[in-house]
Amino acid sequence: MLKVNSYIGGHLVQPSTGHYVDKIDPRTGEKMGEVANSGPQDVEFAIHNADQALPAWRNMRPSERGRILIELARVIRLSEDRLGALESAETGKPGREMATLMDLTAQYFEFYAGLVNVMDGEVINQGPDYHVYTRRDPFGVIGAILPWNAPLHQAARAIAPALATGNTVVAKPSEHTSASLVGLARIAVEEAGVPAGVFNVVVGKGSVIGPVMARHPLMRKISFTGGLTAGQELGRIAAERILPLTLELGGKSANIVFDDADLDAAAKGATTAFTWNSGQWCAAGTRLLVQESIHDRFVEKLLAEVAALRIGPQFDATSGPITTHAQFEKIQSYFQIAEREGLKPAIGGKVASGAQLGGGWYIEPTVYTGVTNDMTLAKEEIFGPIVCVIPFKDEADALRIANDSEFGLGAGIWSRDIGRVHRVAASLDAGRIVVNEYSGGFVQTPCGGFKQSGYGREQGIDALSHYTQLKSVIIRL
């Protein structure tokens, strides 16, 4: 049976509270292990270890830090089966997705390991009497507070640039999905050569650990990925300390299909956009805007794609279970909300059942048509496999609907008209826009939100600026 403890200072550490919480398998609804229910003392211990390890790591040559992170990427690839099995078991993700996700995790460490070697300041010409230059220094101890939907991917995109730039890390995974990150920290220290104390993981409830991390005087910056409410609370604490944050919060992304699009490709892509990871990703394309002239024809193709999905615990399933029971219940509540607002599902709309699903937390992929943008299902982030099909008249109408949201994380455009693509992309309030497919982008492409989807950026070169502080040096000669 799985037993998950924190990993601090190069050692597995039992919780100071002595308490554990049950970990339930989302594929069966049965207990699969226990997870440490750590307290403030454990956070203090982790931050202390990170602070003690900071001077040597910060002062190491960037090329040497890069070499260690390249070795970590190599070890991740060698440990793909081990780490992938942990993440699949905890989250319920189909096993067929794990190889891609483990490769992506390794790519973050490879990318930033190389990039940090060419990161530099600039010399500013102020004439012969001055030598003026800038440099980028690490913050110090950085906290990474992570969600349960994509444990290693979300962790790597914050931890890799933080470590590459000379910071040390205290990571707090969700109590629902902690084992894979503890596994990553262990191989980092025990197999790849990351010094003990540089990469620490504290396991426990976010409501307890998050505020303690944010208030600790040695914590210099926090990267948070999660829900809007938790992000707002963290922001209030950070404001008191003037603590820098990177926030990636909720989304209600518009996926826009114009009448000149390849409808077969758009239907397939739109299905993936709201059903990948059972709809449990912030940038999911859950508002599907379809031009009126092709609406009925497109919906017919969409429903055929959704009907062909395979739900279950099997390795090659298209979609797995909902990761937490609380989220499973929340998604079901939206079926009642939809009914009260006069909506009927074109497909789905209930808990998935069948002998192979047992007591697992499965939801049928669901399509609602006839939705208007002022309805609850179109406004609130559901975080499940539910999509709202909203018709629009023309380009201006599509932009009006797409931007009429408190969120602005991602968006999709389906069109063969390159002029239209650039016009619409320029006018959308979204941090990442994907054209003629719907994906999460690449390690090299920045990711972050507009409006209440957060601020700061993960991924890409720009992330380095969020894990360093710019310093100017002015010398009179």
Protein backbone atom coordinates (compact mmCIF):
# COMPACT_ATOMS: atom_id res chain seq x y z
CA MET A 1 0.00 0.00 0.00
CA LEU A 2 1.29 3.47 -0.95
CA LYS A 3 2.62 5.61 1.92
CA VAL A 4 3.74 9.13 1.03
CA ASN A 5 6.01 11.23 3.26
CA SER A 6 7.70 14.57 2.73
CA TYR A 7 11.21 14.72 1.28
CA ILE A 8 13.34 17.31 3.05
CA GLY A 9 17.09 17.81 3.12
CA GLY A 10 17.69 14.63 1.15
CA HIS A 11 15.60 12.36 3.41
CA LEU A 12 12.06 11.05 3.67
CA VAL A 13 10.51 12.73 6.71
CA GLN A 14 7.44 11.60 8.60
CA PRO A 15 4.95 14.34 9.56
CA SER A 16 5.58 16.11 12.85
CA THR A 17 1.84 15.80 13.50
CA GLY A 18 2.05 12.01 13.30
CA HIS A 19 -1.08 12.08 11.17
CA TYR A 20 -1.86 10.68 7.73
CA VAL A 21 -4.89 10.98 5.47
CA ASP A 22 -6.27 8.26 3.23
CA LYS A 23 -5.48 8.34 -0.46
CA ILE A 24 -8.40 7.04 -2.53
CA ASP A 25 -7.91 5.48 -5.96
CA PRO A 26 -10.08 7.51 -8.38
CA ARG A 27 -10.38 4.48 -10.67
CA THR A 28 -12.03 2.31 -8.01
CA GLY A 29 -13.14 4.57 -5.15
CA GLU A 30 -11.15 2.37 -2.76
CA LYS A 31 -8.26 3.22 -0.44
CA MET A 32 -4.87 2.88 -2.11
CA GLY A 33 -2.58 4.36 0.53
CA GLU A 34 -1.86 7.10 3.07
CA VAL A 35 -0.42 10.58 2.66
CA ALA A 36 1.37 12.60 5.34
CA ASN A 37 -0.72 15.35 6.89
CA SER A 38 2.18 17.70 7.61
CA GLY A 39 1.97 20.81 9.76
CA PRO A 40 3.74 24.16 10.23
CA GLN A 41 6.80 22.53 11.84
CA ASP A 42 7.41 20.51 8.68
CA VAL A 43 7.20 23.66 6.54
CA GLU A 44 9.68 25.39 8.86
CA PHE A 45 12.05 22.42 8.59
CA ALA A 46 11.86 22.40 4.78
CA ILE A 47 12.43 26.14 4.43
CA HIS A 48 15.34 25.96 6.88
CA ASN A 49 16.97 23.19 4.79
CA ALA A 50 16.41 25.15 1.58
CA ASP A 51 17.94 28.28 3.12
CA GLN A 52 20.97 26.33 4.38
CA ALA A 53 21.55 24.86 0.91
CA LEU A 54 21.11 28.20 -0.87
CA PRO A 55 24.61 29.77 -0.71
CA ALA A 56 26.46 26.84 -2.29
CA TRP A 57 23.80 26.32 -5.00
CA ARG A 58 23.48 30.04 -5.77
CA ASN A 59 27.26 30.48 -6.05
CA MET A 60 27.77 27.44 -8.25
CA ARG A 61 28.75 28.20 -11.84
CA PRO A 62 25.65 28.26 -14.06
CA SER A 63 27.27 25.65 -16.30
CA GLU A 64 27.65 23.30 -13.33
CA ARG A 65 24.02 23.77 -12.26
CA GLY A 66 23.06 23.16 -15.86
CA ARG A 67 25.09 19.94 -15.97
CA ILE A 68 23.29 18.63 -12.90
CA LEU A 69 19.86 19.47 -14.35
CA ILE A 70 20.76 17.78 -17.64
CA GLU A 71 21.64 14.69 -15.60
CA LEU A 72 18.28 14.97 -13.83
CA ALA A 73 16.52 15.01 -17.20
CA ARG A 74 18.43 11.86 -18.18
CA VAL A 75 17.44 10.12 -14.95
CA ILE A 76 13.79 11.16 -15.42
CA ARG A 77 13.79 9.43 -18.80
CA LEU A 78 15.31 6.31 -17.25
CA SER A 79 12.69 6.45 -14.48
CA GLU A 80 9.78 7.04 -16.87
CA ASP A 81 7.96 3.80 -15.99
CA ARG A 82 8.37 4.31 -12.24
CA LEU A 83 7.28 7.97 -12.15
CA GLY A 84 4.58 7.46 -14.77
CA ALA A 85 3.04 4.58 -12.85
CA LEU A 86 2.83 6.73 -9.70
CA GLU A 87 1.19 9.63 -11.51
CA SER A 88 -1.23 7.40 -13.40
CA ALA A 89 -2.27 5.64 -10.19
CA GLU A 90 -2.79 8.85 -8.22
CA THR A 91 -4.56 10.92 -10.88
CA GLY A 92 -6.32 8.18 -12.83
CA LYS A 93 -4.75 9.36 -16.10
CA PRO A 94 -4.71 6.63 -18.77
CA GLY A 95 -1.35 4.88 -18.90
CA ARG A 96 -0.91 5.64 -22.60
CA GLU A 97 -0.40 9.34 -21.76
CA MET A 98 2.45 8.82 -19.32
CA ALA A 99 5.35 8.48 -21.76
CA THR A 100 4.53 11.86 -23.30
CA LEU A 101 4.11 13.55 -19.92
CA MET A 102 7.36 12.13 -18.54
CA ASP A 103 9.20 13.27 -21.68
CA LEU A 104 7.71 16.75 -21.21
CA THR A 105 8.87 16.78 -17.58
CA ALA A 106 12.43 15.97 -18.67
CA GLN A 107 12.31 18.65 -21.39
CA TYR A 108 11.84 21.43 -18.83
CA PHE A 109 15.09 20.56 -17.07
CA GLU A 110 16.94 20.21 -20.38
CA PHE A 111 15.63 23.52 -21.69
CA TYR A 112 16.49 25.63 -18.64
CA ALA A 113 19.76 23.79 -18.01
CA GLY A 114 21.00 25.03 -21.38
CA LEU A 115 19.32 28.42 -21.33
CA VAL A 116 20.80 29.53 -18.02
CA ASN A 117 24.29 29.34 -19.52
CA VAL A 118 23.50 32.20 -21.90
CA MET A 119 21.37 34.26 -19.51
CA ASP A 120 23.16 37.46 -18.81
CA GLY A 121 22.71 41.12 -18.05
CA GLU A 122 23.63 43.98 -20.34
CA VAL A 123 26.20 46.73 -20.43
CA ILE A 124 24.62 50.19 -20.59
CA ASN A 125 26.74 52.85 -22.31
CA GLN A 126 26.99 56.02 -20.19
CA GLY A 127 30.19 57.39 -21.67
CA PRO A 128 33.86 56.98 -20.68
CA ASP A 129 33.41 57.97 -17.03
CA TYR A 130 31.08 55.09 -16.09
CA HIS A 131 30.83 51.35 -16.37
CA VAL A 132 27.16 50.43 -15.98
CA TYR A 133 25.76 46.92 -16.19
CA THR A 134 22.86 44.78 -15.03
CA ARG A 135 22.77 41.27 -13.66
CA ARG A 136 20.07 38.83 -12.68
CA ASP A 137 20.25 37.36 -9.19
CA PRO A 138 18.16 34.53 -7.73
CA PHE A 139 15.46 35.35 -5.19
CA GLY A 140 16.55 32.71 -2.68
CA VAL A 141 14.05 30.16 -1.34
CA ILE A 142 11.12 29.77 -3.73
CA GLY A 143 7.84 28.02 -2.97
CA ALA A 144 5.99 26.06 -5.64
CA ILE A 145 2.36 25.36 -4.68
CA LEU A 146 0.95 22.89 -7.17
CA PRO A 147 -2.42 21.47 -8.29
CA TRP A 148 -3.58 17.87 -8.52
CA ASN A 149 -4.41 17.67 -12.22
CA ALA A 150 -0.89 17.41 -13.72
CA PRO A 151 1.58 16.89 -10.86
CA LEU A 152 4.95 16.47 -12.59
CA HIS A 153 4.32 18.73 -15.58
CA GLN A 154 3.16 21.60 -13.36
CA ALA A 155 6.03 21.02 -10.95
CA ALA A 156 8.77 20.86 -13.57
CA ARG A 157 7.78 24.08 -15.31
CA ALA A 158 8.20 25.99 -12.01
CA ILE A 159 11.04 24.04 -10.40
CA ALA A 160 13.32 23.78 -13.46
CA PRO A 161 13.75 27.55 -14.04
CA ALA A 162 13.89 28.19 -10.29
CA LEU A 163 16.76 25.73 -9.81
CA ALA A 164 18.55 26.72 -13.02
CA THR A 165 18.78 30.35 -11.90
CA GLY A 166 20.25 29.47 -8.50
CA ASN A 167 17.21 29.40 -6.23
CA THR A 168 16.35 26.55 -3.88
CA VAL A 169 12.84 25.14 -3.78
CA VAL A 170 10.20 24.01 -1.32
CA ALA A 171 7.41 22.39 -3.34
CA LYS A 172 3.92 21.67 -2.00
CA PRO A 173 2.00 19.19 -4.17
CA SER A 174 -1.68 18.53 -3.71
CA GLU A 175 -2.40 16.07 -0.93
CA HIS A 176 -4.33 14.10 -3.57
CA THR A 177 -1.33 13.65 -5.89
CA SER A 178 1.94 13.82 -3.96
CA ALA A 179 3.78 10.57 -4.63
CA SER A 180 5.15 11.33 -8.09
CA LEU A 181 6.70 14.64 -6.99
CA VAL A 182 8.30 13.01 -3.96
CA GLY A 183 9.65 10.43 -6.40
CA LEU A 184 11.06 13.19 -8.61
CA ALA A 185 12.77 14.90 -5.67
CA ARG A 186 14.31 11.62 -4.56
CA ILE A 187 15.86 10.82 -7.93
CA ALA A 188 17.03 14.44 -8.24
CA VAL A 189 19.05 14.18 -5.03
CA GLU A 190 19.86 10.49 -4.82
CA GLU A 191 20.58 9.77 -8.49
CA ALA A 192 21.16 13.02 -10.39
CA GLY A 193 23.39 14.89 -7.94
CA VAL A 194 21.17 17.79 -6.89
CA PRO A 195 22.57 18.75 -3.44
CA ALA A 196 20.43 17.84 -0.45
CA GLY A 197 18.20 20.72 0.62
CA VAL A 198 18.05 22.30 -2.83
CA PHE A 199 14.82 20.50 -3.82
CA ASN A 200 12.39 19.74 -1.00
CA VAL A 201 8.78 18.51 -1.00
CA VAL A 202 6.32 19.07 1.86
CA VAL A 203 3.25 16.85 1.70
CA GLY A 204 -0.05 17.89 3.28
CA LYS A 205 -3.15 20.02 2.97
CA GLY A 206 -2.81 23.24 1.04
CA SER A 207 -5.08 25.12 3.42
CA VAL A 208 -2.52 24.47 6.19
CA ILE A 209 0.81 24.55 4.38
CA GLY A 210 0.22 27.30 1.81
CA PRO A 211 -0.36 30.19 4.26
CA VAL A 212 2.61 29.11 6.40
CA MET A 213 4.86 29.12 3.34
CA ALA A 214 3.61 32.54 2.22
CA ARG A 215 4.11 34.12 5.65
CA HIS A 216 7.56 32.69 6.33
CA PRO A 217 10.25 35.42 6.35
CA LEU A 218 12.74 33.26 4.43
CA MET A 219 10.31 32.56 1.59
CA ARG A 220 11.20 35.05 -1.17
CA LYS A 221 8.81 34.17 -3.98
CA ILE A 222 5.95 31.75 -4.67
CA SER A 223 4.68 30.19 -7.86
CA PHE A 224 1.07 29.05 -7.52
CA THR A 225 -1.12 27.11 -9.93
CA GLY A 226 -4.67 26.45 -8.83
CA GLY A 227 -8.14 27.87 -8.39
CA LEU A 228 -9.15 31.52 -8.31
CA THR A 229 -10.31 31.53 -4.66
CA ALA A 230 -7.07 30.03 -3.35
CA GLY A 231 -5.06 32.39 -5.55
CA GLN A 232 -6.92 35.40 -4.15
CA GLU A 233 -6.24 34.30 -0.57
CA LEU A 234 -2.57 33.77 -1.34
CA GLY A 235 -2.47 37.22 -2.96
CA ARG A 236 -3.83 38.83 0.20
CA ILE A 237 -1.11 37.23 2.32
CA ALA A 238 1.57 38.10 -0.22
CA ALA A 239 0.46 41.74 -0.29
CA GLU A 240 1.22 42.08 3.43
CA ARG A 241 4.80 40.89 2.86
CA ILE A 242 5.31 42.39 -0.63
CA LEU A 243 6.01 38.79 -1.68
CA PRO A 244 6.38 38.27 -5.46
CA LEU A 245 3.96 35.78 -6.97
CA THR A 246 3.46 33.97 -10.24
CA LEU A 247 -0.21 32.99 -10.46
CA GLU A 248 -1.88 30.70 -12.96
CA LEU A 249 -5.52 30.49 -11.96
CA GLY A 250 -8.75 29.43 -13.62
CA GLY A 251 -9.88 29.52 -17.21
CA LYS A 252 -12.98 29.42 -19.38
CA SER A 253 -11.28 29.38 -22.72
CA ALA A 254 -13.04 30.19 -25.99
CA ASN A 255 -12.44 27.78 -28.89
CA ILE A 256 -13.68 29.54 -32.05
CA VAL A 257 -14.69 27.65 -35.21
CA PHE A 258 -15.22 29.81 -38.30
CA ASP A 259 -17.16 28.69 -41.35
CA ASP A 260 -14.03 28.29 -43.51
CA ALA A 261 -12.38 25.85 -41.09
CA ASP A 262 -11.57 22.20 -41.76
CA LEU A 263 -14.62 20.95 -39.87
CA ASP A 264 -13.41 17.38 -39.43
CA ALA A 265 -10.14 18.55 -37.88
CA ALA A 266 -11.96 21.16 -35.80
CA ALA A 267 -14.44 18.61 -34.43
CA LYS A 268 -11.63 16.27 -33.44
CA GLY A 269 -9.59 19.10 -31.91
CA ALA A 270 -12.57 20.59 -30.10
CA THR A 271 -13.29 17.19 -28.53
CA THR A 272 -9.74 16.92 -27.24
CA ALA A 273 -9.94 20.51 -26.00
CA PHE A 274 -12.63 19.72 -23.43
CA THR A 275 -12.02 16.03 -22.71
CA TRP A 276 -8.24 15.74 -22.36
CA ASN A 277 -7.46 14.74 -18.78
CA SER A 278 -11.24 14.43 -18.32
CA GLY A 279 -11.51 18.20 -18.72
CA GLN A 280 -9.24 18.79 -15.73
CA TRP A 281 -6.95 21.47 -17.11
CA CYS A 282 -7.12 25.23 -16.72
CA ALA A 283 -6.87 26.04 -20.42
CA ALA A 284 -9.54 23.56 -21.54
CA GLY A 285 -11.62 24.83 -24.46
CA THR A 286 -14.97 24.66 -22.70
CA ARG A 287 -16.69 27.52 -24.55
CA LEU A 288 -17.00 26.28 -28.11
CA LEU A 289 -18.00 29.19 -30.35
CA VAL A 290 -19.34 28.01 -33.72
CA GLN A 291 -20.35 30.24 -36.64
CA GLU A 292 -24.10 30.04 -37.28
CA SER A 293 -23.75 29.04 -40.95
CA ILE A 294 -22.03 25.75 -40.03
CA HIS A 295 -23.46 25.22 -36.55
CA ASP A 296 -25.69 22.19 -37.14
CA ARG A 297 -23.24 20.43 -39.46
CA PHE A 298 -20.37 20.97 -37.04
CA VAL A 299 -22.32 19.81 -33.98
CA GLU A 300 -23.16 16.58 -35.80
CA LYS A 301 -19.45 15.93 -36.35
CA LEU A 302 -18.62 16.89 -32.76
CA LEU A 303 -21.16 14.48 -31.30
CA ALA A 304 -19.78 11.66 -33.44
CA GLU A 305 -16.28 12.33 -32.08
CA VAL A 306 -17.51 12.42 -28.48
CA ALA A 307 -19.52 9.22 -28.91
CA ALA A 308 -16.36 7.40 -30.02
CA LEU A 309 -14.41 8.20 -26.83
CA ARG A 310 -13.38 5.31 -24.58
CA ILE A 311 -13.81 5.97 -20.84
CA GLY A 312 -12.28 3.77 -18.18
CA PRO A 313 -9.23 2.61 -16.24
CA GLN A 314 -7.65 0.72 -19.13
CA PHE A 315 -4.22 1.68 -20.46
CA ASP A 316 -5.51 2.89 -23.84
CA ALA A 317 -8.61 4.71 -22.58
CA THR A 318 -9.32 8.10 -24.13
CA SER A 319 -10.40 9.54 -20.79
CA GLY A 320 -9.95 8.46 -17.19
CA PRO A 321 -11.74 9.30 -13.95
CA ILE A 322 -12.03 12.59 -12.11
CA THR A 323 -9.06 12.78 -9.75
CA THR A 324 -10.79 13.83 -6.52
CA HIS A 325 -14.18 12.96 -5.10
CA ALA A 326 -14.94 16.60 -4.28
CA GLN A 327 -14.41 17.52 -7.93
CA PHE A 328 -16.51 14.52 -9.02
CA GLU A 329 -19.41 15.86 -6.97
CA LYS A 330 -18.88 19.44 -8.11
CA ILE A 331 -19.11 18.47 -11.79
CA GLN A 332 -22.37 16.63 -11.16
CA SER A 333 -23.85 19.77 -9.60
CA TYR A 334 -23.55 21.51 -12.97
CA PHE A 335 -25.92 18.99 -14.54
CA GLN A 336 -28.60 20.27 -12.17
CA ILE A 337 -27.63 23.88 -12.87
CA ALA A 338 -27.93 23.26 -16.61
CA GLU A 339 -31.37 21.72 -16.18
CA ARG A 340 -32.55 24.70 -14.14
CA GLU A 341 -31.36 27.04 -16.91
CA GLY A 342 -33.31 25.08 -19.53
CA LEU A 343 -30.41 23.18 -21.08
CA LYS A 344 -30.49 19.54 -22.13
CA PRO A 345 -27.34 17.62 -23.03
CA ALA A 346 -26.91 16.67 -26.67
CA ILE A 347 -24.75 13.81 -25.37
CA GLY A 348 -23.64 12.77 -21.89
CA GLY A 349 -24.93 14.65 -18.87
CA LYS A 350 -24.50 12.01 -16.20
CA VAL A 351 -22.11 9.80 -14.28
CA ALA A 352 -20.58 7.12 -16.48
CA SER A 353 -21.44 3.60 -15.42
CA GLY A 354 -20.55 0.07 -16.41
CA ALA A 355 -19.02 -3.09 -15.00
CA GLN A 356 -15.50 -2.03 -15.99
CA LEU A 357 -15.85 1.29 -14.16
CA GLY A 358 -16.80 -0.17 -10.78
CA GLY A 359 -16.90 2.49 -8.09
CA GLY A 360 -14.59 4.88 -9.94
CA TRP A 361 -15.30 8.60 -10.39
CA TYR A 362 -16.18 8.73 -14.08
CA ILE A 363 -18.20 11.43 -15.85
CA GLU A 364 -19.61 11.09 -19.35
CA PRO A 365 -18.14 13.68 -21.75
CA THR A 366 -21.01 16.13 -22.16
CA VAL A 367 -22.04 18.58 -24.88
CA TYR A 368 -24.64 21.30 -24.32
CA THR A 369 -26.00 23.21 -27.31
CA GLY A 370 -28.17 26.31 -27.33
CA VAL A 371 -25.99 27.94 -24.69
CA THR A 372 -25.71 31.70 -24.32
CA ASN A 373 -22.68 33.38 -22.82
CA ASP A 374 -24.61 34.68 -19.81
CA MET A 375 -25.52 31.18 -18.57
CA THR A 376 -23.74 29.70 -15.56
CA LEU A 377 -22.16 26.90 -17.57
CA ALA A 378 -20.57 29.46 -19.89
CA LYS A 379 -19.29 31.69 -17.09
CA GLU A 380 -17.91 29.37 -14.41
CA GLU A 381 -14.91 27.07 -14.59
CA ILE A 382 -16.29 23.54 -14.18
CA PHE A 383 -13.00 21.64 -14.48
CA GLY A 384 -14.61 18.60 -16.01
CA PRO A 385 -15.55 17.16 -19.42
CA ILE A 386 -18.39 19.57 -20.21
CA VAL A 387 -18.47 21.89 -23.23
CA CYS A 388 -20.93 24.68 -24.10
CA VAL A 389 -21.62 25.24 -27.80
CA ILE A 390 -22.36 28.93 -28.40
CA PRO A 391 -23.34 30.18 -31.89
CA PHE A 392 -21.99 33.46 -33.30
CA LYS A 393 -22.77 35.55 -36.38
CA ASP A 394 -19.47 36.98 -37.59
CA GLU A 395 -15.92 37.83 -36.56
CA ALA A 396 -16.92 40.80 -34.42
CA ASP A 397 -19.59 38.75 -32.65
CA ALA A 398 -17.10 35.95 -31.98
CA LEU A 399 -14.65 38.37 -30.37
CA ARG A 400 -17.38 39.99 -28.28
CA ILE A 401 -18.45 36.61 -26.87
CA ALA A 402 -14.91 35.27 -26.43
CA ASN A 403 -13.73 38.32 -24.46
CA ASP A 404 -16.89 38.50 -22.35
CA SER A 405 -15.35 36.47 -19.51
CA GLU A 406 -13.54 37.17 -16.26
CA PHE A 407 -10.88 34.69 -17.37
CA GLY A 408 -8.28 34.93 -20.12
CA LEU A 409 -5.95 31.92 -20.08
CA GLY A 410 -6.18 30.21 -23.46
CA ALA A 411 -8.08 30.32 -26.74
CA GLY A 412 -8.38 28.44 -30.01
CA ILE A 413 -9.03 29.62 -33.58
CA TRP A 414 -10.08 27.36 -36.46
CA SER A 415 -9.87 29.07 -39.85
CA ARG A 416 -8.09 28.85 -43.21
CA ASP A 417 -8.07 32.65 -43.56
CA ILE A 418 -4.64 33.78 -42.35
CA GLY A 419 -5.68 37.43 -42.23
CA ARG A 420 -8.60 36.56 -40.00
CA VAL A 421 -6.38 34.41 -37.79
CA HIS A 422 -4.01 37.30 -37.09
CA ARG A 423 -6.82 39.82 -36.57
CA VAL A 424 -8.65 37.61 -34.10
CA ALA A 425 -5.48 36.54 -32.27
CA ALA A 426 -4.50 40.19 -31.81
CA SER A 427 -7.89 41.03 -30.29
CA LEU A 428 -8.42 38.05 -27.98
CA ASP A 429 -7.89 38.57 -24.25
CA ALA A 430 -5.92 35.39 -23.66
CA GLY A 431 -2.37 34.47 -22.74
CA ARG A 432 -1.99 31.66 -25.26
CA ILE A 433 -3.80 31.19 -28.57
CA VAL A 434 -3.53 28.02 -30.65
CA VAL A 435 -4.63 27.95 -34.29
CA ASN A 436 -6.02 24.91 -36.15
CA GLU A 437 -5.39 22.57 -33.23
CA TYR A 438 -5.93 22.80 -29.49
CA SER A 439 -3.00 21.98 -27.25
CA GLY A 440 -0.96 23.16 -24.30
CA GLY A 441 1.85 24.45 -26.49
CA PHE A 442 5.52 23.68 -25.95
CA VAL A 443 8.13 24.01 -23.21
CA GLN A 444 9.53 26.98 -25.14
CA THR A 445 6.23 28.92 -25.36
CA PRO A 446 5.25 31.18 -22.42
CA CYS A 447 2.10 30.25 -20.53
CA GLY A 448 -0.01 32.51 -18.35
CA GLY A 449 -3.24 34.42 -18.16
CA PHE A 450 -4.99 37.71 -18.66
CA LYS A 451 -7.53 39.12 -16.18
CA GLN A 452 -8.48 36.71 -13.38
CA SER A 453 -6.52 33.87 -14.95
CA GLY A 454 -3.46 35.25 -13.17
CA TYR A 455 -0.19 37.05 -13.87
CA GLY A 456 3.42 36.19 -14.55
CA ARG A 457 4.51 33.53 -17.01
CA GLU A 458 5.72 29.97 -16.81
CA GLN A 459 7.57 28.21 -19.64
CA GLY A 460 9.73 29.78 -22.31
CA ILE A 461 12.62 32.21 -21.95
CA ASP A 462 10.39 34.77 -20.25
CA ALA A 463 10.00 32.52 -17.18
CA LEU A 464 13.61 33.21 -16.22
CA SER A 465 12.74 36.83 -15.55
CA HIS A 466 10.14 35.67 -13.02
CA TYR A 467 12.68 33.60 -11.07
CA THR A 468 15.39 36.27 -10.91
CA GLN A 469 15.73 39.84 -9.66
CA LEU A 470 17.26 42.49 -11.90
CA LYS A 471 20.11 44.47 -10.36
CA SER A 472 21.87 47.54 -11.79
CA VAL A 473 25.53 48.25 -11.01
CA ILE A 474 26.80 51.80 -11.69
CA ILE A 475 30.56 52.37 -11.39
CA ARG A 476 32.25 55.75 -11.76
CA LEU A 477 35.64 55.07 -13.25
